[in-house]
C-alpha atoms as a PDB file:
ATOM      1  CA  MET A   1      -2.602  14.127  17.369  1.00  0.00           C
ATOM      2  CA  SER A   2      -5.549  13.681  16.105  1.00  0.00           C
ATOM      3  CA  VAL A   3      -6.826  11.725  12.997  1.00  0.00           C
ATOM      4  CA  LYS A   4      -7.049  14.871  10.717  1.00  0.00           C
ATOM      5  CA  ALA A   5      -3.508  15.566  11.552  1.00  0.00           C
ATOM      6  CA  LYS A   6      -2.489  12.483  10.730  1.00  0.00           C
ATOM      7  CA  LYS A   7      -4.351  12.395   6.958  1.00  0.00           C
ATOM      8  CA  HIS A   8      -2.856  16.037   6.848  1.00  0.00           C
ATOM      9  CA  LEU A   9       0.692  14.598   7.081  1.00  0.00           C
ATOM     10  CA  GLY A  10      -0.374  11.651   4.340  1.00  0.00           C
ATOM     11  CA  GLN A  11       0.266   9.077   7.618  1.00  0.00           C
ATOM     12  CA  HIS A  12      -0.996   6.192   8.870  1.00  0.00           C
ATOM     13  CA  PHE A  13      -0.053   4.712  11.552  1.00  0.00           C
ATOM     14  CA  LEU A  14       0.293   1.474  12.832  1.00  0.00           C
ATOM     15  CA  THR A  15      -1.087  -0.385  15.208  1.00  0.00           C
ATOM     16  CA  ASP A  16      -0.414  -4.491  14.634  1.00  0.00           C
ATOM     17  CA  GLU A  17       3.107  -5.138  16.236  1.00  0.00           C
ATOM     18  CA  SER A  18       2.982  -8.164  14.872  1.00  0.00           C
ATOM     19  CA  ILE A  19       3.814  -6.903  11.738  1.00  0.00           C
ATOM     20  CA  ALA A  20       5.807  -4.139  12.833  1.00  0.00           C
ATOM     21  CA  LYS A  21       8.235  -6.790  14.204  1.00  0.00           C
ATOM     22  CA  ASP A  22       7.878  -8.565  10.988  1.00  0.00           C
ATOM     23  CA  ILE A  23       9.118  -4.897   8.843  1.00  0.00           C
ATOM     24  CA  ALA A  24      11.918  -4.761  11.452  1.00  0.00           C
ATOM     25  CA  ASP A  25      13.352  -8.275  11.148  1.00  0.00           C
ATOM     26  CA  SER A  26      12.917  -7.773   7.339  1.00  0.00           C
ATOM     27  CA  LEU A  27      16.789  -6.194   7.573  1.00  0.00           C
ATOM     28  CA  SER A  28      19.646  -8.020   7.383  1.00  0.00           C
ATOM     29  CA  LEU A  29      21.616  -6.148   8.958  1.00  0.00           C
ATOM     30  CA  THR A  30      24.842  -6.760   6.828  1.00  0.00           C
ATOM     31  CA  GLY A  31      27.004  -3.583   5.269  1.00  0.00           C
ATOM     32  CA  TYR A  32      26.064  -1.177   8.209  1.00  0.00           C
ATOM     33  CA  LYS A  33      26.100  -0.546  11.919  1.00  0.00           C
ATOM     34  CA  LYS A  34      23.246   2.522  11.850  1.00  0.00           C
ATOM     35  CA  VAL A  35      19.432   2.668  10.843  1.00  0.00           C
ATOM     36  CA  LEU A  36      17.251   5.473   9.547  1.00  0.00           C
ATOM     37  CA  GLU A  37      13.715   5.044  10.175  1.00  0.00           C
ATOM     38  CA  ILE A  38      11.876   7.458   8.453  1.00  0.00           C
ATOM     39  CA  GLY A  39       8.282   9.043   9.693  1.00  0.00           C
ATOM     40  CA  PRO A  40       8.074   6.943  12.972  1.00  0.00           C
ATOM     41  CA  GLY A  41       5.259   8.880  14.213  1.00  0.00           C
ATOM     42  CA  MET A  42       4.880   6.914  18.267  1.00  0.00           C
ATOM     43  CA  GLY A  43       7.128   4.555  17.887  1.00  0.00           C
ATOM     44  CA  VAL A  44       5.667   0.835  16.973  1.00  0.00           C
ATOM     45  CA  LEU A  45       8.073  -0.111  14.458  1.00  0.00           C
ATOM     46  CA  THR A  46      10.440   1.982  16.449  1.00  0.00           C
ATOM     47  CA  LYS A  47      10.512  -0.172  19.608  1.00  0.00           C
ATOM     48  CA  TYR A  48      11.442  -3.251  17.535  1.00  0.00           C
ATOM     49  CA  VAL A  49      14.181  -1.002  15.594  1.00  0.00           C
ATOM     50  CA  LEU A  50      15.844  -0.285  18.454  1.00  0.00           C
ATOM     51  CA  GLU A  51      16.562  -4.149  19.692  1.00  0.00           C
ATOM     52  CA  LYS A  52      18.564  -4.928  16.969  1.00  0.00           C
ATOM     53  CA  PRO A  53      22.121  -4.630  17.831  1.00  0.00           C
ATOM     54  CA  ILE A  54      22.848  -1.445  15.795  1.00  0.00           C
ATOM     55  CA  GLU A  55      22.507   2.387  16.246  1.00  0.00           C
ATOM     56  CA  THR A  56      19.158   3.745  15.291  1.00  0.00           C
ATOM     57  CA  PHE A  57      18.105   7.080  14.015  1.00  0.00           C
ATOM     58  CA  VAL A  58      14.259   8.275  12.932  1.00  0.00           C
ATOM     59  CA  ILE A  59      13.985  11.456  11.000  1.00  0.00           C
ATOM     60  CA  GLU A  60      10.032  12.957  11.578  1.00  0.00           C
ATOM     61  CA  ILE A  61       8.984  16.433  10.612  1.00  0.00           C
ATOM     62  CA  ASP A  62       5.759  16.147  13.081  1.00  0.00           C
ATOM     63  CA  THR A  63       6.220  18.178  16.051  1.00  0.00           C
ATOM     64  CA  GLU A  64       3.625  15.980  18.046  1.00  0.00           C
ATOM     65  CA  SER A  65       5.401  13.084  17.313  1.00  0.00           C
ATOM     66  CA  VAL A  66       8.584  14.289  18.066  1.00  0.00           C
ATOM     67  CA  GLU A  67       7.834  15.402  21.400  1.00  0.00           C
ATOM     68  CA  TYR A  68       6.203  11.778  22.015  1.00  0.00           C
ATOM     69  CA  LEU A  69       9.522  10.097  21.357  1.00  0.00           C
ATOM     70  CA  GLN A  70      11.575  11.966  23.022  1.00  0.00           C
ATOM     71  CA  THR A  71       9.622  11.039  26.119  1.00  0.00           C
ATOM     72  CA  HIS A  72       9.078   7.602  25.695  1.00  0.00           C
ATOM     73  CA  TYR A  73      12.344   6.732  23.902  1.00  0.00           C
ATOM     74  CA  LEU A  74      14.836   8.499  26.190  1.00  0.00           C
ATOM     75  CA  ASN A  75      18.258   6.790  24.717  1.00  0.00           C
ATOM     76  CA  LEU A  76      16.983   7.643  21.158  1.00  0.00           C
ATOM     77  CA  ALA A  77      16.438  11.518  22.389  1.00  0.00           C
ATOM     78  CA  PRO A  78      19.925  12.339  20.940  1.00  0.00           C
ATOM     79  CA  ASN A  79      19.515  10.381  17.302  1.00  0.00           C
ATOM     80  CA  ILE A  80      15.972  11.765  16.804  1.00  0.00           C
ATOM     81  CA  ILE A  81      16.170  13.787  13.973  1.00  0.00           C
ATOM     82  CA  SER A  82      13.685  16.647  13.334  1.00  0.00           C
ATOM     83  CA  LYS A  83      13.497  17.608   9.858  1.00  0.00           C
ATOM     84  CA  ASP A  84      11.839  16.485   6.530  1.00  0.00           C
ATOM     85  CA  PHE A  85      13.222  13.676   5.215  1.00  0.00           C
ATOM     86  CA  LEU A  86      13.115  15.026   1.304  1.00  0.00           C
ATOM     87  CA  LYS A  87      15.018  17.961   2.006  1.00  0.00           C
ATOM     88  CA  TYR A  88      17.405  17.788   4.678  1.00  0.00           C
ATOM     89  CA  ASN A  89      20.898  16.708   3.984  1.00  0.00           C
ATOM     90  CA  LEU A  90      22.156  13.321   5.973  1.00  0.00           C
ATOM     91  CA  LYS A  91      25.625  13.518   5.108  1.00  0.00           C
ATOM     92  CA  GLU A  92      25.153  16.116   8.660  1.00  0.00           C
ATOM     93  CA  VAL A  93      23.938  12.800  10.303  1.00  0.00           C
ATOM     94  CA  PHE A  94      25.667  10.226   8.755  1.00  0.00           C
ATOM     95  CA  ALA A  95      28.744  12.393   7.083  1.00  0.00           C
ATOM     96  CA  GLU A  96      30.309   8.953   3.987  1.00  0.00           C
ATOM     97  CA  GLU A  97      28.830   6.247   6.400  1.00  0.00           C
ATOM     98  CA  PRO A  98      26.603   3.867   5.048  1.00  0.00           C
ATOM     99  CA  PHE A  99      22.923   3.046   6.869  1.00  0.00           C
ATOM    100  CA  ALA A 100      20.284   1.123   6.015  1.00  0.00           C
ATOM    101  CA  ILE A 101      16.402   3.349   5.763  1.00  0.00           C
ATOM    102  CA  ILE A 102      13.555   1.583   7.461  1.00  0.00           C
ATOM    103  CA  GLY A 103       9.751   2.673   7.757  1.00  0.00           C
ATOM    104  CA  ASN A 104       6.147   2.675   7.151  1.00  0.00           C
ATOM    105  CA  PHE A 105       6.630   5.318   4.512  1.00  0.00           C
ATOM    106  CA  PRO A 106       3.570   8.052   3.901  1.00  0.00           C
ATOM    107  CA  TYR A 107       2.292   7.216   0.796  1.00  0.00           C
ATOM    108  CA  ASN A 108       1.641  10.854  -0.348  1.00  0.00           C
ATOM    109  CA  ILE A 109       5.743  11.250  -0.402  1.00  0.00           C
ATOM    110  CA  SER A 110       6.859   7.151  -0.473  1.00  0.00           C
ATOM    111  CA  THR A 111       7.887   7.711  -4.276  1.00  0.00           C
ATOM    112  CA  GLN A 112       9.715  10.467  -3.367  1.00  0.00           C
ATOM    113  CA  ILE A 113      11.436   8.577  -0.956  1.00  0.00           C
ATOM    114  CA  VAL A 114      13.289   5.942  -3.568  1.00  0.00           C
ATOM    115  CA  PHE A 115      13.947   8.133  -5.355  1.00  0.00           C
ATOM    116  CA  LYS A 116      16.210   9.850  -2.708  1.00  0.00           C
ATOM    117  CA  THR A 117      17.328   7.008  -1.609  1.00  0.00           C
ATOM    118  CA  LEU A 118      18.458   5.814  -5.176  1.00  0.00           C
ATOM    119  CA  GLU A 119      20.662   9.254  -5.180  1.00  0.00           C
ATOM    120  CA  MET A 120      22.211   8.110  -1.845  1.00  0.00           C
ATOM    121  CA  ARG A 121      22.706   4.638  -3.272  1.00  0.00           C
ATOM    122  CA  ASP A 122      26.416   4.549  -2.879  1.00  0.00           C
ATOM    123  CA  GLN A 123      25.681   5.234   1.266  1.00  0.00           C
ATOM    124  CA  VAL A 124      22.716   2.748   1.431  1.00  0.00           C
ATOM    125  CA  PRO A 125      23.157  -0.953   1.004  1.00  0.00           C
ATOM    126  CA  GLU A 126      19.647  -2.021   2.668  1.00  0.00           C
ATOM    127  CA  PHE A 127      15.827  -0.299   2.143  1.00  0.00           C
ATOM    128  CA  SER A 128      12.542  -2.177   4.061  1.00  0.00           C
ATOM    129  CA  GLY A 129       9.517  -0.767   4.502  1.00  0.00           C
ATOM    130  CA  MET A 130       5.628  -0.614   3.927  1.00  0.00           C
ATOM    131  CA  PHE A 131       4.285   0.998   1.288  1.00  0.00           C
ATOM    132  CA  GLN A 132       0.664   1.827  -0.663  1.00  0.00           C
ATOM    133  CA  LYS A 133       0.804  -1.299  -1.568  1.00  0.00           C
ATOM    134  CA  GLU A 134       0.385  -0.869  -5.724  1.00  0.00           C
ATOM    135  CA  VAL A 135       3.728   1.752  -5.309  1.00  0.00           C
ATOM    136  CA  ALA A 136       5.362  -1.983  -3.415  1.00  0.00           C
ATOM    137  CA  GLN A 137       4.602  -4.193  -6.047  1.00  0.00           C
ATOM    138  CA  ARG A 138       5.776  -1.470  -9.057  1.00  0.00           C
ATOM    139  CA  ILE A 139       9.232  -1.832  -7.856  1.00  0.00           C
ATOM    140  CA  CYS A 140       9.533  -4.710  -7.639  1.00  0.00           C
ATOM    141  CA  SER A 141       7.867  -5.890 -10.933  1.00  0.00           C
ATOM    142  CA  LYS A 142       9.677  -7.058 -13.818  1.00  0.00           C
ATOM    143  CA  LYS A 143       9.292  -6.505 -17.369  1.00  0.00           C
ATOM    144  CA  GLY A 144       6.099  -6.698 -19.189  1.00  0.00           C
ATOM    145  CA  SER A 145       4.102  -6.192 -16.132  1.00  0.00           C
ATOM    146  CA  LYS A 146       1.528  -3.409 -17.062  1.00  0.00           C
ATOM    147  CA  VAL A 147       2.670  -1.693 -12.843  1.00  0.00           C
ATOM    148  CA  TYR A 148       6.508  -2.270 -14.498  1.00  0.00           C
ATOM    149  CA  GLY A 149       8.053   1.578 -14.891  1.00  0.00           C
ATOM    150  CA  ILE A 150      10.079   3.866 -14.483  1.00  0.00           C
ATOM    151  CA  LEU A 151      10.416   2.779 -10.437  1.00  0.00           C
ATOM    152  CA  SER A 152      11.050  -0.744 -11.107  1.00  0.00           C
ATOM    153  CA  VAL A 153      13.889   0.036 -13.830  1.00  0.00           C
ATOM    154  CA  LEU A 154      15.679   2.581 -11.469  1.00  0.00           C
ATOM    155  CA  ALA A 155      15.270   1.071  -8.255  1.00  0.00           C
ATOM    156  CA  GLN A 156      16.549  -2.579  -9.990  1.00  0.00           C
ATOM    157  CA  ALA A 157      19.506  -1.410 -11.970  1.00  0.00           C
ATOM    158  CA  PHE A 158      20.566  -0.918  -8.609  1.00  0.00           C
ATOM    159  CA  TYR A 159      18.985  -3.161  -5.675  1.00  0.00           C
ATOM    160  CA  ASP A 160      17.640  -6.472  -5.582  1.00  0.00           C
ATOM    161  CA  CYS A 161      13.928  -5.935  -5.163  1.00  0.00           C
ATOM    162  CA  GLU A 162      11.633  -8.592  -3.212  1.00  0.00           C
ATOM    163  CA  TYR A 163       8.012  -8.525  -2.498  1.00  0.00           C
ATOM    164  CA  LEU A 164       7.374  -9.566   1.294  1.00  0.00           C
ATOM    165  CA  PHE A 165       4.110  -9.275   2.201  1.00  0.00           C
ATOM    166  CA  THR A 166       0.467  -7.656   2.015  1.00  0.00           C
ATOM    167  CA  VAL A 167      -0.907  -5.143   4.686  1.00  0.00           C
ATOM    168  CA  PRO A 168      -4.721  -5.140   5.494  1.00  0.00           C
ATOM    169  CA  PRO A 169      -6.205  -1.369   6.357  1.00  0.00           C
ATOM    170  CA  THR A 170      -7.656  -2.664   8.793  1.00  0.00           C
ATOM    171  CA  VAL A 171      -4.459  -2.314  11.448  1.00  0.00           C
ATOM    172  CA  PHE A 172      -4.033   1.328  10.986  1.00  0.00           C
ATOM    173  CA  ASN A 173      -5.342   4.033  12.277  1.00  0.00           C
ATOM    174  CA  PRO A 174      -6.697   5.846  10.240  1.00  0.00           C
ATOM    175  CA  PRO A 175      -7.401   2.824   7.891  1.00  0.00           C
ATOM    176  CA  PRO A 176      -6.433   3.478   4.229  1.00  0.00           C
ATOM    177  CA  LYS A 177      -8.635   3.131   1.618  1.00  0.00           C
ATOM    178  CA  VAL A 178      -5.684   0.984  -0.044  1.00  0.00           C
ATOM    179  CA  ASP A 179      -4.078  -2.195   1.146  1.00  0.00           C
ATOM    180  CA  SER A 180      -0.520  -2.097   2.332  1.00  0.00           C
ATOM    181  CA  GLY A 181       2.715  -3.694   0.811  1.00  0.00           C
ATOM    182  CA  VAL A 182       5.925  -4.549   2.318  1.00  0.00           C
ATOM    183  CA  MET A 183       8.829  -4.991   0.216  1.00  0.00           C
ATOM    184  CA  ILE A 184      12.447  -4.671   1.307  1.00  0.00           C
ATOM    185  CA  MET A 185      15.590  -3.445  -1.326  1.00  0.00           C
ATOM    186  CA  ARG A 186      19.106  -4.767  -1.197  1.00  0.00           C
ATOM    187  CA  ARG A 187      21.985  -2.848  -3.351  1.00  0.00           C
ATOM    188  CA  LYS A 188      23.710  -5.521  -5.437  1.00  0.00           C
ATOM    189  CA  GLU A 189      27.279  -6.425  -4.901  1.00  0.00           C
ATOM    190  CA  ASN A 190      28.390  -4.958  -7.875  1.00  0.00           C
ATOM    191  CA  TYR A 191      25.984  -2.044  -8.349  1.00  0.00           C
ATOM    192  CA  LYS A 192      27.667   0.636 -10.431  1.00  0.00           C
ATOM    193  CA  LEU A 193      26.412  -0.161 -14.130  1.00  0.00           C
ATOM    194  CA  ASP A 194      28.850   0.053 -16.756  1.00  0.00           C
ATOM    195  CA  CYS A 195      26.769   2.885 -18.683  1.00  0.00           C
ATOM    196  CA  ASP A 196      26.492   6.801 -17.953  1.00  0.00           C
ATOM    197  CA  GLU A 197      24.189   6.051 -14.852  1.00  0.00           C
ATOM    198  CA  LYS A 198      22.961  10.262 -15.463  1.00  0.00           C
ATOM    199  CA  LEU A 199      21.790   9.119 -18.878  1.00  0.00           C
ATOM    200  CA  LEU A 200      20.450   6.037 -17.765  1.00  0.00           C
ATOM    201  CA  PHE A 201      18.172   8.172 -15.485  1.00  0.00           C
ATOM    202  CA  THR A 202      16.733  10.111 -18.475  1.00  0.00           C
ATOM    203  CA  VAL A 203      16.572   7.453 -21.145  1.00  0.00           C
ATOM    204  CA  VAL A 204      14.091   5.117 -18.555  1.00  0.00           C
ATOM    205  CA  LYS A 205      11.868   8.913 -17.505  1.00  0.00           C
ATOM    206  CA  THR A 206      11.798  10.215 -21.538  1.00  0.00           C
ATOM    207  CA  ALA A 207      10.636   6.399 -22.899  1.00  0.00           C
ATOM    208  CA  PHE A 208       7.955   5.949 -19.788  1.00  0.00           C
ATOM    209  CA  ASN A 209       6.885   9.365 -20.099  1.00  0.00           C
ATOM    210  CA  GLN A 210       5.255   7.765 -23.132  1.00  0.00           C
ATOM    211  CA  ARG A 211       4.780   4.760 -22.297  1.00  0.00           C
ATOM    212  CA  ARG A 212       2.544   3.205 -25.208  1.00  0.00           C
ATOM    213  CA  LYS A 213       4.921   4.201 -27.549  1.00  0.00           C
ATOM    214  CA  THR A 214       7.389   2.625 -29.156  1.00  0.00           C
ATOM    215  CA  LEU A 215      10.925   3.794 -28.154  1.00  0.00           C
ATOM    216  CA  ARG A 216      11.125   5.523 -31.439  1.00  0.00           C
ATOM    217  CA  ASN A 217       9.155   7.708 -30.822  1.00  0.00           C
ATOM    218  CA  SER A 218       9.191   8.166 -27.185  1.00  0.00           C
ATOM    219  CA  LEU A 219      12.971   9.189 -27.237  1.00  0.00           C
ATOM    220  CA  LYS A 220      12.769  11.404 -30.213  1.00  0.00           C
ATOM    221  CA  SER A 221      13.680  14.287 -28.019  1.00  0.00           C
ATOM    222  CA  LEU A 222      16.736  12.805 -27.406  1.00  0.00           C
ATOM    223  CA  ASN A 223      18.101  13.761 -30.810  1.00  0.00           C
ATOM    224  CA  LEU A 224      19.179  10.148 -32.281  1.00  0.00           C
ATOM    225  CA  SER A 225      20.927   9.382 -35.635  1.00  0.00           C
ATOM    226  CA  ASP A 226      18.584   7.827 -38.158  1.00  0.00           C
ATOM    227  CA  LYS A 227      21.414   4.806 -38.308  1.00  0.00           C
ATOM    228  CA  LEU A 228      21.040   4.143 -34.372  1.00  0.00           C
ATOM    229  CA  GLN A 229      17.085   4.303 -34.380  1.00  0.00           C
ATOM    230  CA  GLU A 230      17.495   1.218 -37.008  1.00  0.00           C
ATOM    231  CA  ASP A 231      19.029  -0.802 -34.343  1.00  0.00           C
ATOM    232  CA  THR A 232      15.496  -3.464 -33.147  1.00  0.00           C
ATOM    233  CA  ILE A 233      15.617  -2.017 -29.722  1.00  0.00           C
ATOM    234  CA  PHE A 234      13.558   1.223 -31.136  1.00  0.00           C
ATOM    235  CA  ALA A 235      10.606  -0.872 -32.420  1.00  0.00           C
ATOM    236  CA  LEU A 236       9.889  -2.024 -28.919  1.00  0.00           C
ATOM    237  CA  ARG A 237       7.627  -0.034 -25.922  1.00  0.00           C
ATOM    238  CA  PRO A 238       9.543   0.518 -22.674  1.00  0.00           C
ATOM    239  CA  GLU A 239       7.604  -1.953 -20.621  1.00  0.00           C
ATOM    240  CA  GLN A 240       9.229  -4.857 -23.243  1.00  0.00           C
ATOM    241  CA  LEU A 241      13.116  -4.136 -22.343  1.00  0.00           C
ATOM    242  CA  SER A 242      14.883  -5.165 -18.945  1.00  0.00           C
ATOM    243  CA  VAL A 243      17.351  -3.235 -16.663  1.00  0.00           C
ATOM    244  CA  GLU A 244      19.474  -4.959 -18.982  1.00  0.00           C
ATOM    245  CA  ASP A 245      18.519  -3.987 -21.993  1.00  0.00           C
ATOM    246  CA  PHE A 246      17.926  -0.321 -20.609  1.00  0.00           C
ATOM    247  CA  ILE A 247      21.617  -0.205 -19.793  1.00  0.00           C
ATOM    248  CA  SER A 248      22.419  -1.239 -23.480  1.00  0.00           C
ATOM    249  CA  LEU A 249      20.279   0.854 -24.964  1.00  0.00           C
ATOM    250  CA  THR A 250      22.028   4.211 -22.598  1.00  0.00           C
ATOM    251  CA  GLN A 251      25.420   2.454 -23.769  1.00  0.00           C
ATOM    252  CA  LYS A 252      24.763   2.741 -27.491  1.00  0.00           C
ATOM    253  CA  ILE A 253      23.129   6.143 -27.299  1.00  0.00           C
ATOM    254  CA  ALA A 254      26.292   7.273 -25.761  1.00  0.00           C
ATOM    255  CA  ALA A 255      28.090   5.985 -28.072  1.00  0.00           C
ATOM    256  CA  ASP A 256      25.492   7.643 -30.731  1.00  0.00           C
ATOM    257  CA  GLY A 257      26.588  11.179 -29.411  1.00  0.00           C
ATOM    258  CA  VAL A 258      30.058  10.426 -29.186  1.00  0.00           C
ATOM    259  CA  GLN A 259      30.175   9.617 -32.977  1.00  0.00           C
ATOM    260  CA  ASN A 260      27.570  12.907 -33.639  1.00  0.00           C
ATOM    261  CA  GLN A 261      29.381  15.742 -31.674  1.00  0.00           C
END
């Protein structure tokens, strides 16, 4: 594949095999028998995932990469999905079975990949891979951090997120202009939340869309009662709230809506 084509796909291919092995080794292999690699490219990471005692699937949108994988990884050929991960319904392959997700993710769609994974949280007990460093850090950051935001709260509501290690640009072709970071999300044992989960997504996204404002101002569009807004939590800015605080806030908003119907 030409460098031009790689850049068009927003993908930088890993050339350091020891890093690929470390990413593959981050999987615990617990709670699932299948793993899906997103954007395998020429199979640098795939090779090490295939060594694991689980069934490996890959999903790749680039036809040249698909042809390469079909030729060089004959055992994998039946499990190569030539589709766009963001648009494809994975139940066609996995039905209701659990599966892990792994990858050296294309930076231009990495946050969308996480959001789609969150939608599939009932089926994805583990998610590991490489992102642009600041995105990996954002996912794992805690309240009070400048990078703490929508992705941090929603990922950590359902998963324990851990930043593993930093990867320099020099181990990619073509080299990106930024450092990369490898992180892992392991689904919590009790990941069913004690609140309306759909409403939580709305509250978190609405709050952080105006992150410099207090919740009293940023959540105005939710038409909350004056009585509810007397709660001291509404004097805070969103980055001051923990995941648990957002769950509690969502419970209060749901109760407020019921009382005002």
